[in-house]
Amino acid sequence: MTGSPRAIGLFGLIGVVLNIVAVGALQPFTSPYSPADIPGWLASCVQYPVRTAVSSFAFTFGLVALAAFGLGFALLRRTGPAVIAGAFIAFGALLDAAGTPAPLVALNTEPALGQAFLRFTLLLDATFNGCLGVGLIAAFVATPDTRWRWLALASGLVSLPVAFQWASADAARLLALAGPAWLVWMAATSIQLLRPAEP
């Protein structure tokens, strides 16, 4: 194995915490990251500019941390399934991070353009969830020796349909189940990596 388990675990926990902060900032918003009511989502961004900024920055840096975790996971185990898991998690996270500042940009544009920016970030977030689903299923295969592997499989399977959240409000609603599931797996895996190795 190569790479620093503690550094990988730290990146994972940073990603988890920042994603929780970002989701918390969105609590009073109308239909965030869902196609159900894009005009309402934009109106919420305008109504809560500070929350919009907090969420955008927390998502962006949190996703970059998740990408580092994914790459580290691949380097740590260096098996085919681990490389697939790490590559999909990292690629999806970086792609999503490219779109998470879009709600901030939408604040300073015409409503029609602002809605287009929100649809753009929604599409990238959907792609992230699809990639994450594949990555988590591969992580299940790659980690037969951990107690949390079945949560990786469950959260991966429920994340896959969220890839359609760009077009389906029902798919977007699955985030309420998929998000906590993969965050728990990520946190548990990261904590294990942070623990000192037994002599």
Protein backbone atom coordinates (compact mmCIF):
# COMPACT_ATOMS: atom_id res chain seq x y z
CA MET A 1 0.00 0.00 0.00
CA THR A 2 1.14 3.53 -0.71
CA GLY A 3 -0.09 6.92 0.40
CA SER A 4 -0.75 8.24 3.87
CA PRO A 5 -3.90 6.70 5.39
CA ARG A 6 -4.20 9.57 7.88
CA ALA A 7 -4.02 12.23 5.16
CA ILE A 8 -6.64 10.35 3.12
CA GLY A 9 -8.85 10.04 6.18
CA LEU A 10 -8.45 13.74 6.92
CA PHE A 11 -9.50 14.68 3.40
CA GLY A 12 -12.52 12.41 3.73
CA LEU A 13 -13.63 13.97 7.01
CA ILE A 14 -13.13 17.50 5.66
CA GLY A 15 -15.30 16.58 2.68
CA VAL A 16 -18.01 15.16 4.95
CA VAL A 17 -18.06 18.18 7.28
CA LEU A 18 -18.13 20.74 4.47
CA ASN A 19 -20.91 18.90 2.67
CA ILE A 20 -22.97 18.89 5.87
CA VAL A 21 -22.33 22.62 6.29
CA ALA A 22 -23.38 23.25 2.68
CA VAL A 23 -26.59 21.25 3.01
CA GLY A 24 -27.38 22.96 6.31
CA ALA A 25 -27.05 26.38 4.69
CA LEU A 26 -29.67 25.36 2.11
CA GLN A 27 -32.37 24.42 4.62
CA PRO A 28 -34.71 27.42 4.05
CA PHE A 29 -34.32 27.24 0.24
CA THR A 30 -37.07 26.22 -2.17
CA SER A 31 -36.21 23.01 -4.08
CA PRO A 32 -32.39 23.33 -4.09
CA TYR A 33 -30.67 20.94 -6.48
CA SER A 34 -34.00 19.79 -7.86
CA PRO A 35 -35.82 20.59 -11.12
CA ALA A 36 -39.12 20.89 -9.20
CA ASP A 37 -39.01 24.68 -8.90
CA ILE A 38 -35.98 26.35 -10.50
CA PRO A 39 -37.49 29.87 -10.26
CA GLY A 40 -38.15 29.25 -6.55
CA TRP A 41 -34.59 28.06 -6.05
CA LEU A 42 -33.28 31.22 -7.72
CA ALA A 43 -35.57 33.37 -5.58
CA SER A 44 -34.16 31.66 -2.49
CA CYS A 45 -30.61 32.41 -3.64
CA VAL A 46 -31.55 36.08 -3.97
CA GLN A 47 -33.33 36.08 -0.61
CA TYR A 48 -30.44 34.39 1.23
CA PRO A 49 -27.21 35.59 -0.43
CA VAL A 50 -25.03 34.76 2.59
CA ARG A 51 -26.40 31.22 2.78
CA THR A 52 -25.89 30.92 -0.97
CA ALA A 53 -22.24 31.90 -0.57
CA VAL A 54 -21.68 29.58 2.39
CA SER A 55 -23.25 26.66 0.55
CA SER A 56 -21.36 27.33 -2.69
CA PHE A 57 -17.96 27.63 -1.04
CA ALA A 58 -18.54 24.71 1.34
CA PHE A 59 -19.68 22.46 -1.51
CA THR A 60 -16.75 23.49 -3.71
CA PHE A 61 -14.00 22.90 -1.16
CA GLY A 62 -15.76 19.85 0.25
CA LEU A 63 -15.95 18.26 -3.18
CA VAL A 64 -12.27 18.93 -3.82
CA ALA A 65 -11.52 17.19 -0.51
CA LEU A 66 -13.69 14.24 -1.58
CA ALA A 67 -11.74 14.05 -4.83
CA ALA A 68 -8.50 13.87 -2.84
CA PHE A 69 -10.04 11.12 -0.72
CA GLY A 70 -11.03 9.19 -3.84
CA LEU A 71 -7.54 9.40 -5.35
CA GLY A 72 -6.01 8.44 -2.02
CA PHE A 73 -8.36 5.47 -1.70
CA ALA A 74 -7.19 4.20 -5.09
CA LEU A 75 -3.51 4.68 -4.23
CA LEU A 76 -3.91 3.06 -0.83
CA ARG A 77 -5.39 -0.22 -1.99
CA ARG A 78 -4.06 -0.35 -5.55
CA THR A 79 -6.51 -2.99 -6.76
CA GLY A 80 -8.71 -2.83 -9.83
CA PRO A 81 -11.96 -2.18 -7.91
CA ALA A 82 -10.24 0.40 -5.69
CA VAL A 83 -8.89 2.28 -8.71
CA ILE A 84 -12.36 2.28 -10.27
CA ALA A 85 -13.89 3.48 -7.00
CA GLY A 86 -11.35 6.23 -6.51
CA ALA A 87 -11.45 7.37 -10.13
CA PHE A 88 -15.24 7.67 -10.25
CA ILE A 89 -15.47 9.41 -6.88
CA ALA A 90 -12.68 11.85 -7.75
CA PHE A 91 -13.91 12.59 -11.28
CA GLY A 92 -17.49 13.13 -10.19
CA ALA A 93 -16.46 15.33 -7.27
CA LEU A 94 -14.19 17.56 -9.36
CA LEU A 95 -16.83 17.88 -12.08
CA ASP A 96 -19.43 18.88 -9.50
CA ALA A 97 -17.01 21.33 -7.86
CA ALA A 98 -16.77 23.14 -11.20
CA GLY A 99 -20.48 23.92 -10.99
CA THR A 100 -21.08 24.63 -7.31
CA PRO A 101 -20.13 28.35 -7.59
CA ALA A 102 -22.92 28.77 -10.19
CA PRO A 103 -25.60 29.82 -7.65
CA LEU A 104 -23.36 32.73 -6.67
CA VAL A 105 -23.03 33.76 -10.30
CA ALA A 106 -26.81 33.45 -10.69
CA LEU A 107 -27.28 36.20 -8.10
CA ASN A 108 -25.88 38.81 -10.48
CA THR A 109 -27.57 37.87 -13.73
CA GLU A 110 -30.95 38.22 -15.40
CA PRO A 111 -33.52 35.70 -14.09
CA ALA A 112 -33.50 33.59 -17.27
CA LEU A 113 -29.71 33.36 -17.24
CA GLY A 114 -29.69 32.78 -13.49
CA GLN A 115 -32.01 29.80 -13.93
CA ALA A 116 -29.70 28.47 -16.64
CA PHE A 117 -26.77 28.61 -14.22
CA LEU A 118 -28.79 26.68 -11.64
CA ARG A 119 -29.72 24.04 -14.23
CA PHE A 120 -26.01 23.79 -15.09
CA THR A 121 -24.99 23.11 -11.49
CA LEU A 122 -27.93 20.71 -11.13
CA LEU A 123 -26.71 18.69 -14.13
CA LEU A 124 -23.16 18.50 -12.74
CA ASP A 125 -24.49 17.47 -9.32
CA ALA A 126 -26.54 14.73 -10.97
CA THR A 127 -23.40 13.52 -12.77
CA PHE A 128 -21.54 13.50 -9.45
CA ASN A 129 -24.21 11.34 -7.85
CA GLY A 130 -24.11 8.90 -10.73
CA CYS A 131 -20.31 8.67 -10.56
CA LEU A 132 -20.49 8.38 -6.78
CA GLY A 133 -22.93 5.48 -7.09
CA VAL A 134 -20.54 3.58 -9.36
CA GLY A 135 -17.60 4.46 -7.09
CA LEU A 136 -19.35 3.26 -3.94
CA ILE A 137 -20.34 -0.05 -5.51
CA ALA A 138 -16.71 -0.52 -6.59
CA ALA A 139 -15.61 0.41 -3.05
CA PHE A 140 -17.86 -2.36 -1.75
CA VAL A 141 -15.95 -4.83 -3.90
CA ALA A 142 -12.60 -3.28 -2.99
CA THR A 143 -13.06 -3.46 0.81
CA PRO A 144 -14.09 -6.99 1.80
CA ASP A 145 -12.34 -6.57 5.16
CA THR A 146 -14.35 -3.67 6.59
CA ARG A 147 -17.57 -3.64 8.59
CA TRP A 148 -18.94 -0.71 6.57
CA ARG A 149 -18.72 -2.33 3.12
CA TRP A 150 -22.45 -3.11 2.95
CA LEU A 151 -23.25 0.54 3.55
CA ALA A 152 -21.04 1.34 0.55
CA LEU A 153 -23.16 -1.01 -1.56
CA ALA A 154 -26.49 0.32 -0.24
CA SER A 155 -25.52 3.99 -0.61
CA GLY A 156 -24.10 3.29 -4.07
CA LEU A 157 -27.31 1.65 -5.26
CA VAL A 158 -29.49 4.48 -3.96
CA SER A 159 -27.15 7.12 -5.40
CA LEU A 160 -27.34 5.78 -8.95
CA PRO A 161 -30.92 6.93 -9.64
CA VAL A 162 -30.02 10.40 -8.33
CA ALA A 163 -28.08 10.76 -11.59
CA PHE A 164 -31.47 11.66 -13.09
CA GLN A 165 -32.11 14.51 -10.64
CA TRP A 166 -31.47 17.04 -13.43
CA ALA A 167 -34.78 15.98 -15.00
CA SER A 168 -36.73 14.26 -12.23
CA ALA A 169 -37.87 15.74 -8.93
CA ASP A 170 -38.48 12.19 -7.67
CA ALA A 171 -34.84 11.31 -8.33
CA ALA A 172 -33.77 14.49 -6.55
CA ARG A 173 -35.83 13.50 -3.50
CA LEU A 174 -33.70 10.36 -3.17
CA LEU A 175 -30.89 12.67 -2.01
CA ALA A 176 -32.56 12.67 1.40
CA LEU A 177 -31.67 8.97 1.64
CA ALA A 178 -28.54 8.72 -0.49
CA GLY A 179 -26.76 11.74 1.00
CA PRO A 180 -26.76 10.62 4.66
CA ALA A 181 -25.89 7.04 3.64
CA TRP A 182 -22.74 7.89 1.70
CA LEU A 183 -21.72 10.56 4.21
CA VAL A 184 -21.85 7.96 7.01
CA TRP A 185 -19.79 5.53 4.91
CA MET A 186 -17.28 8.25 4.07
CA ALA A 187 -17.00 9.36 7.70
CA ALA A 188 -16.63 5.80 9.02
CA THR A 189 -14.01 4.91 6.41
CA SER A 190 -12.10 8.14 7.08
CA ILE A 191 -12.10 7.58 10.85
CA GLN A 192 -10.71 4.09 10.33
CA LEU A 193 -7.92 5.53 8.22
CA LEU A 194 -7.12 8.12 10.89
CA ARG A 195 -6.62 5.49 13.57
CA PRO A 196 -2.99 4.55 14.21
CA ALA A 197 -1.98 1.23 12.74
CA GLU A 198 -1.69 -1.62 15.20
CA PRO A 199 1.90 -2.76 15.77
